[in-house]
Amino acid sequence: MKLPANIRKIAVFRALQLGDMLCVIPAIRALRRAFPKAEITLLGLPWAKWLTERFDNYFDRFIHFPGFPGLPEQVFDAAKFAEFLPVMQRQEFDLVLQMQGSGSVVNPMIELFGTKFTAGFCIEGHYAPDNGLFMPYPAYGSEIDRHLALMEFLGIPSQGNELEFPLTATDLQELNCLGLDIEPKRYICVHPGSRGVWRQWPAEHFAALADFCFEQGYKVVITGTRDEKTITSDVIRRMGFEAIDTTGKTSIGAVAALISDAALLISNCTGVSHIAAALKTPSVVISMDGEPNRWRPINKQLHRTINWLQLPDFDLVFRVTAELVNQLDAGVLSAH
């Protein structure tokens, strides 16, 4: 079923983290193309207000979603939700798009917003409105493509599955202020952190790959947040060569600027891997969550993803890294 053409106010519900949000930007791009004059609001986690400002060509507003039982991303506060609900009802959205997942938890909740139309994913055995606007959730394939499939289900043509991460003058200025001794395409970024410890590849493995890249003539820049200081320090301690440590010194935008000019990124499957994909910087991505096909970058030539849970073989990762580095040195693989 196609959406009505006279929709003027749209809310996108996706209260998730950076990588999750970047993966739906191609779908939002298609949505904006289909409804160029509509006001599009993101309902998300507090940090995502920053995302709507960076992607202000796609989003017009941001509303903080305060959580709901069954959603693990933030602690549910019943009082805050009670305040949030009438605010949503007063918005009088024409459409709320449920892009949180299968909808098993949130589809009943978004009905409480009192919008004209709700649409999104659904799963058998769980509630979804019988309005022809809910697509059976495809529990397979790329996270990017499954949301483009939702758009096409709603009659919205794809505008391509390329990721985006627009850099700003502030990002570049912040990076320049660090005064790092690096030259474009002559350094690699190593990002060993992740939101969950169980998703972090061992520090000694990151250190070994970093040392190899150093031996090939590349400087090594370690990136991470303040909360990831323990693991970044562990990687640096295990290295045989000196690394440039930027842990806790950069915003997401400055990290993106750093990745943009890097020859290579080595990371877990986390938000920075999607930034590298958006900026077309080659990468080696270690998948520790068991869903490599869902979260891996789509360009398999530029980005190599290793399913560590299935193939816990360091020699394999080393060979993949060496192959990428050799291709970069030979000019066969271009970062842009």
Protein backbone atom coordinates (compact mmCIF):
# COMPACT_ATOMS: atom_id res chain seq x y z
CA MET A 1 0.00 0.00 0.00
CA LYS A 2 1.33 3.41 -0.92
CA LEU A 3 1.35 6.28 1.55
CA PRO A 4 -0.98 9.23 0.82
CA ALA A 5 0.69 12.06 -1.07
CA ASN A 6 -0.64 14.79 1.28
CA ILE A 7 1.48 13.81 4.30
CA ARG A 8 3.01 16.89 5.90
CA LYS A 9 4.29 15.80 9.33
CA ILE A 10 6.35 12.61 9.72
CA ALA A 11 7.97 11.11 12.81
CA VAL A 12 10.70 8.47 12.48
CA PHE A 13 10.97 6.26 15.55
CA ARG A 14 14.47 4.81 15.97
CA ALA A 15 15.90 5.15 19.49
CA LEU A 16 19.26 3.44 18.90
CA GLN A 17 23.02 4.12 18.70
CA LEU A 18 25.28 5.69 16.06
CA GLY A 19 25.88 2.70 13.77
CA ASP A 20 22.18 1.78 13.84
CA MET A 21 21.25 5.31 12.85
CA LEU A 22 23.77 5.62 10.03
CA CYS A 23 22.42 2.42 8.51
CA VAL A 24 18.96 3.95 8.01
CA ILE A 25 20.17 7.20 6.41
CA PRO A 26 19.68 5.75 2.87
CA ALA A 27 16.05 5.02 3.79
CA ILE A 28 15.61 8.53 5.21
CA ARG A 29 17.16 9.93 2.03
CA ALA A 30 14.49 8.14 0.02
CA LEU A 31 11.80 9.35 2.43
CA ARG A 32 12.91 12.95 2.06
CA ARG A 33 12.96 12.64 -1.74
CA ALA A 34 9.40 11.31 -1.68
CA PHE A 35 8.16 14.01 0.73
CA PRO A 36 10.38 17.05 0.07
CA LYS A 37 8.08 19.52 1.83
CA ALA A 38 7.20 17.39 4.84
CA GLU A 39 8.47 18.13 8.34
CA ILE A 40 10.46 15.07 9.45
CA THR A 41 11.08 14.56 13.17
CA LEU A 42 13.36 11.95 14.71
CA LEU A 43 12.20 10.28 17.93
CA GLY A 44 15.42 8.99 19.44
CA LEU A 45 17.92 8.76 22.28
CA PRO A 46 19.28 12.05 23.70
CA TRP A 47 22.58 11.88 21.78
CA ALA A 48 20.73 11.73 18.43
CA LYS A 49 19.79 15.42 18.50
CA TRP A 50 23.36 15.86 17.25
CA LEU A 51 22.57 13.51 14.36
CA THR A 52 19.56 15.55 13.22
CA GLU A 53 21.71 18.69 13.22
CA ARG A 54 24.38 16.99 11.08
CA PHE A 55 21.74 15.61 8.71
CA ASP A 56 19.60 18.73 8.66
CA ASN A 57 18.84 18.17 4.98
CA TYR A 58 16.83 15.11 6.03
CA PHE A 59 15.58 15.95 9.55
CA ASP A 60 13.78 19.09 10.70
CA ARG A 61 13.24 18.37 14.38
CA PHE A 62 14.23 16.08 17.23
CA ILE A 63 12.19 14.75 20.15
CA HIS A 64 13.79 12.74 22.92
CA PHE A 65 12.05 9.40 23.39
CA PRO A 66 12.26 8.56 27.14
CA GLY A 67 12.21 4.78 26.90
CA PHE A 68 9.68 1.99 27.17
CA PRO A 69 9.55 -1.44 28.91
CA GLY A 70 11.36 -4.04 26.81
CA LEU A 71 13.74 -1.58 25.13
CA PRO A 72 17.24 -1.93 26.64
CA GLU A 73 18.86 1.25 25.28
CA GLN A 74 17.83 3.41 28.24
CA VAL A 75 16.23 2.96 31.64
CA PHE A 76 12.44 3.28 31.51
CA ASP A 77 11.03 6.16 33.52
CA ALA A 78 7.25 5.89 33.86
CA ALA A 79 6.82 9.52 34.90
CA LYS A 80 8.79 10.82 31.92
CA PHE A 81 6.86 8.59 29.54
CA ALA A 82 3.59 9.87 31.02
CA GLU A 83 4.77 13.41 30.19
CA PHE A 84 6.00 12.38 26.74
CA LEU A 85 2.77 10.78 25.54
CA PRO A 86 0.49 13.87 25.58
CA VAL A 87 3.29 15.87 23.93
CA MET A 88 3.29 13.34 21.10
CA GLN A 89 -0.49 13.41 20.81
CA ARG A 90 -0.44 17.20 20.49
CA GLN A 91 2.03 16.97 17.59
CA GLU A 92 -0.70 15.60 15.31
CA PHE A 93 1.70 13.73 13.07
CA ASP A 94 0.32 12.45 9.80
CA LEU A 95 2.67 9.47 9.89
CA VAL A 96 4.89 7.66 12.40
CA LEU A 97 7.42 5.29 10.85
CA GLN A 98 8.45 2.44 13.16
CA MET A 99 12.09 1.74 12.28
CA GLN A 100 13.18 0.30 15.63
CA GLY A 101 13.13 -3.37 14.63
CA SER A 102 10.53 -6.09 14.29
CA GLY A 103 7.96 -4.02 16.18
CA SER A 104 7.11 -6.72 18.71
CA VAL A 105 7.57 -4.25 21.58
CA VAL A 106 6.90 -0.82 20.09
CA ASN A 107 4.08 -1.24 17.56
CA PRO A 108 1.36 -1.09 20.25
CA MET A 109 3.11 1.88 21.85
CA ILE A 110 3.26 4.08 18.76
CA GLU A 111 -0.49 3.61 18.32
CA LEU A 112 -0.84 5.67 21.50
CA PHE A 113 0.62 8.69 19.68
CA GLY A 114 -2.72 9.19 17.95
CA THR A 115 -1.34 9.76 14.44
CA LYS A 116 -3.31 9.41 11.22
CA PHE A 117 -1.06 6.62 9.92
CA THR A 118 1.53 4.32 11.43
CA ALA A 119 3.83 2.16 9.31
CA GLY A 120 6.86 -0.04 9.70
CA PHE A 121 7.87 -3.60 10.41
CA CYS A 122 5.80 -6.29 12.05
CA ILE A 123 6.28 -9.89 13.12
CA GLU A 124 3.79 -12.74 13.17
CA GLY A 125 2.11 -13.28 16.50
CA HIS A 126 2.60 -9.68 17.69
CA TYR A 127 0.33 -6.68 17.31
CA ALA A 128 0.46 -4.40 14.30
CA PRO A 129 -2.39 -2.32 12.83
CA ASP A 130 -4.21 -3.98 9.97
CA ASN A 131 -3.76 -1.00 7.66
CA GLY A 132 -1.57 -2.46 4.91
CA LEU A 133 1.40 -0.32 5.96
CA PHE A 134 3.29 -2.89 8.03
CA MET A 135 5.84 -5.10 6.29
CA PRO A 136 6.82 -8.52 7.70
CA TYR A 137 10.22 -8.01 9.29
CA PRO A 138 13.01 -9.49 7.11
CA ALA A 139 15.36 -11.11 9.63
CA TYR A 140 18.11 -11.44 7.03
CA GLY A 141 20.37 -9.35 4.82
CA SER A 142 21.88 -5.92 5.35
CA GLU A 143 20.42 -3.49 7.88
CA ILE A 144 20.67 -0.86 5.17
CA ASP A 145 18.79 -2.84 2.55
CA ARG A 146 16.03 -4.05 4.85
CA HIS A 147 15.04 -0.45 5.57
CA LEU A 148 15.17 0.43 1.89
CA ALA A 149 12.88 -2.56 1.36
CA LEU A 150 10.47 -1.00 3.85
CA MET A 151 10.49 2.25 1.89
CA GLU A 152 9.77 0.39 -1.35
CA PHE A 153 6.98 -1.54 0.41
CA LEU A 154 5.44 1.85 1.18
CA GLY A 155 5.79 3.00 -2.43
CA ILE A 156 8.95 5.08 -1.86
CA PRO A 157 11.68 4.42 -4.49
CA SER A 158 15.24 3.84 -3.33
CA GLN A 159 17.81 6.59 -3.85
CA GLY A 160 20.72 4.16 -3.47
CA ASN A 161 22.18 2.28 -0.52
CA GLU A 162 25.29 4.43 -0.01
CA LEU A 163 25.91 5.64 3.53
CA GLU A 164 26.59 9.30 4.29
CA PHE A 165 28.52 11.20 6.93
CA PRO A 166 28.82 14.90 6.08
CA LEU A 167 31.92 16.54 7.55
CA THR A 168 31.76 20.12 8.79
CA ALA A 169 34.31 22.91 9.11
CA THR A 170 34.08 22.46 12.88
CA ASP A 171 35.09 18.80 12.55
CA LEU A 172 38.17 19.71 10.53
CA GLN A 173 39.09 22.59 12.82
CA GLU A 174 38.80 20.39 15.90
CA LEU A 175 41.06 17.77 14.33
CA ASN A 176 43.60 20.40 13.26
CA CYS A 177 43.69 21.79 16.80
CA LEU A 178 45.05 18.46 18.05
CA GLY A 179 48.24 19.10 16.08
CA LEU A 180 48.72 15.43 15.20
CA ASP A 181 51.93 14.56 13.35
CA ILE A 182 50.20 12.78 10.46
CA GLU A 183 49.92 13.06 6.69
CA PRO A 184 46.80 12.15 4.71
CA LYS A 185 46.75 8.48 3.64
CA ARG A 186 49.99 7.77 5.55
CA TYR A 187 48.37 6.65 8.80
CA ILE A 188 45.90 4.03 9.91
CA CYS A 189 43.23 4.36 12.57
CA VAL A 190 42.79 1.59 15.13
CA HIS A 191 39.54 1.71 17.11
CA PRO A 192 39.52 -1.20 19.58
CA GLY A 193 36.54 -0.12 21.70
CA SER A 194 32.88 -1.01 21.55
CA ARG A 195 29.80 -0.32 23.66
CA GLY A 196 29.81 -3.91 24.93
CA VAL A 197 32.94 -5.60 26.28
CA TRP A 198 31.77 -8.85 24.70
CA ARG A 199 32.03 -7.15 21.30
CA GLN A 200 35.67 -6.17 21.76
CA TRP A 201 38.37 -8.07 19.92
CA PRO A 202 41.42 -8.88 22.09
CA ALA A 203 43.83 -5.99 22.63
CA GLU A 204 46.87 -8.10 21.70
CA HIS A 205 45.39 -8.75 18.25
CA PHE A 206 44.80 -5.04 17.59
CA ALA A 207 48.36 -4.35 18.76
CA ALA A 208 49.83 -6.95 16.41
CA LEU A 209 47.99 -5.52 13.38
CA ALA A 210 48.97 -1.99 14.37
CA ASP A 211 52.64 -3.01 14.61
CA PHE A 212 52.46 -4.63 11.18
CA CYS A 213 51.03 -1.44 9.65
CA PHE A 214 53.75 0.61 11.35
CA GLU A 215 56.38 -1.68 9.84
CA GLN A 216 54.86 -0.99 6.41
CA GLY A 217 55.51 2.73 6.85
CA TYR A 218 52.19 3.91 8.30
CA LYS A 219 51.75 5.85 11.52
CA VAL A 220 49.19 4.39 13.92
CA VAL A 221 46.45 6.54 15.46
CA ILE A 222 44.43 4.99 18.30
CA THR A 223 40.88 6.33 18.60
CA GLY A 224 38.26 5.89 21.29
CA THR A 225 36.07 7.58 23.86
CA ARG A 226 37.03 8.34 27.47
CA ASP A 227 35.08 5.28 28.55
CA GLU A 228 37.27 3.15 26.26
CA LYS A 229 40.55 4.34 27.81
CA THR A 230 41.21 0.98 29.47
CA ILE A 231 41.20 -0.99 26.23
CA THR A 232 43.01 1.66 24.14
CA SER A 233 45.74 1.86 26.80
CA ASP A 234 45.99 -1.93 26.75
CA VAL A 235 46.50 -1.91 22.96
CA ILE A 236 49.17 0.79 23.20
CA ARG A 237 50.96 -1.05 26.02
CA ARG A 238 51.13 -4.22 23.93
CA MET A 239 52.49 -2.50 20.82
CA GLY A 240 56.17 -2.68 19.96
CA PHE A 241 56.07 0.71 18.23
CA GLU A 242 54.83 4.14 19.26
CA ALA A 243 51.22 5.03 18.57
CA ILE A 244 49.43 8.39 18.53
CA ASP A 245 46.75 8.24 21.22
CA THR A 246 43.61 10.35 20.66
CA THR A 247 41.45 8.53 23.21
CA GLY A 248 38.90 10.90 24.74
CA LYS A 249 40.26 13.90 22.83
CA THR A 250 37.84 13.97 19.90
CA SER A 251 34.18 14.33 19.15
CA ILE A 252 32.50 11.93 16.75
CA GLY A 253 32.87 14.53 14.02
CA ALA A 254 36.63 14.91 14.57
CA VAL A 255 37.04 11.11 14.59
CA ALA A 256 35.19 11.04 11.27
CA ALA A 257 37.52 13.69 9.86
CA LEU A 258 40.46 11.59 11.06
CA ILE A 259 39.04 8.45 9.43
CA SER A 260 38.33 10.36 6.22
CA ASP A 261 42.04 10.96 5.58
CA ALA A 262 43.26 7.60 6.93
CA ALA A 263 44.65 4.93 4.65
CA LEU A 264 42.82 2.24 6.63
CA LEU A 265 40.58 1.68 9.66
CA ILE A 266 40.85 -1.42 11.85
CA SER A 267 37.95 -1.81 14.28
CA ASN A 268 35.30 -3.94 15.83
CA CYS A 269 31.90 -3.82 14.15
CA THR A 270 30.78 -0.55 15.69
CA GLY A 271 29.75 2.98 14.72
CA VAL A 272 33.14 3.96 13.30
CA SER A 273 33.00 1.08 10.82
CA HIS A 274 29.88 2.68 9.31
CA ILE A 275 31.60 6.07 9.28
CA ALA A 276 34.46 4.50 7.29
CA ALA A 277 31.94 2.99 4.89
CA ALA A 278 30.25 6.37 4.45
CA LEU A 279 33.58 8.11 3.81
CA LYS A 280 34.90 5.29 1.58
CA THR A 281 37.95 4.66 3.73
CA PRO A 282 39.12 1.02 3.47
CA SER A 283 38.59 -1.00 6.62
CA VAL A 284 39.11 -4.30 8.38
CA VAL A 285 36.07 -4.98 10.57
CA ILE A 286 36.00 -7.69 13.22
CA SER A 287 32.42 -8.86 13.76
CA MET A 288 31.91 -10.08 17.32
CA ASP A 289 28.10 -10.02 17.47
CA GLY A 290 27.24 -13.01 15.26
CA GLU A 291 25.45 -10.89 12.62
CA PRO A 292 28.16 -9.94 10.11
CA ASN A 293 25.83 -10.00 7.11
CA ARG A 294 23.48 -7.57 8.83
CA TRP A 295 26.06 -4.98 9.89
CA ARG A 296 28.99 -5.38 7.48
CA PRO A 297 29.75 -2.59 4.99
CA ILE A 298 28.18 -3.38 1.63
CA ASN A 299 31.34 -2.76 -0.44
CA LYS A 300 33.24 -6.00 0.17
CA GLN A 301 36.26 -4.94 -1.87
CA LEU A 302 36.93 -1.79 0.15
CA HIS A 303 35.84 -3.25 3.49
CA ARG A 304 36.74 -6.71 4.77
CA THR A 305 34.55 -8.13 7.53
CA ILE A 306 35.65 -11.19 9.50
CA ASN A 307 33.10 -13.18 11.48
CA TRP A 308 35.24 -13.89 14.54
CA LEU A 309 32.60 -16.04 16.23
CA GLN A 310 32.64 -18.40 13.28
CA LEU A 311 36.32 -18.04 12.28
CA PRO A 312 38.39 -17.08 15.35
CA ASP A 313 41.62 -17.21 13.36
CA PHE A 314 44.08 -14.35 13.89
CA ASP A 315 46.23 -15.49 10.97
CA LEU A 316 43.21 -15.03 8.68
CA VAL A 317 42.66 -11.47 9.92
CA PHE A 318 46.37 -10.74 9.52
CA ARG A 319 46.36 -12.00 5.93
CA VAL A 320 43.29 -9.90 5.09
CA THR A 321 44.93 -6.82 6.61
CA ALA A 322 48.21 -7.47 4.78
CA GLU A 323 46.32 -7.86 1.49
CA LEU A 324 44.56 -4.51 1.96
CA VAL A 325 47.78 -2.75 2.90
CA ASN A 326 49.59 -4.22 -0.11
CA GLN A 327 46.77 -3.10 -2.40
CA LEU A 328 46.93 0.41 -0.93
CA ASP A 329 50.70 0.52 -1.43
CA ALA A 330 50.34 -0.67 -5.01
CA GLY A 331 47.63 1.87 -5.76
CA VAL A 332 45.19 -0.91 -6.61
CA LEU A 333 42.82 0.02 -3.80
CA SER A 334 41.95 3.68 -3.56
CA ALA A 335 40.49 5.15 -0.40
CA HIS A 336 38.36 7.51 -2.51
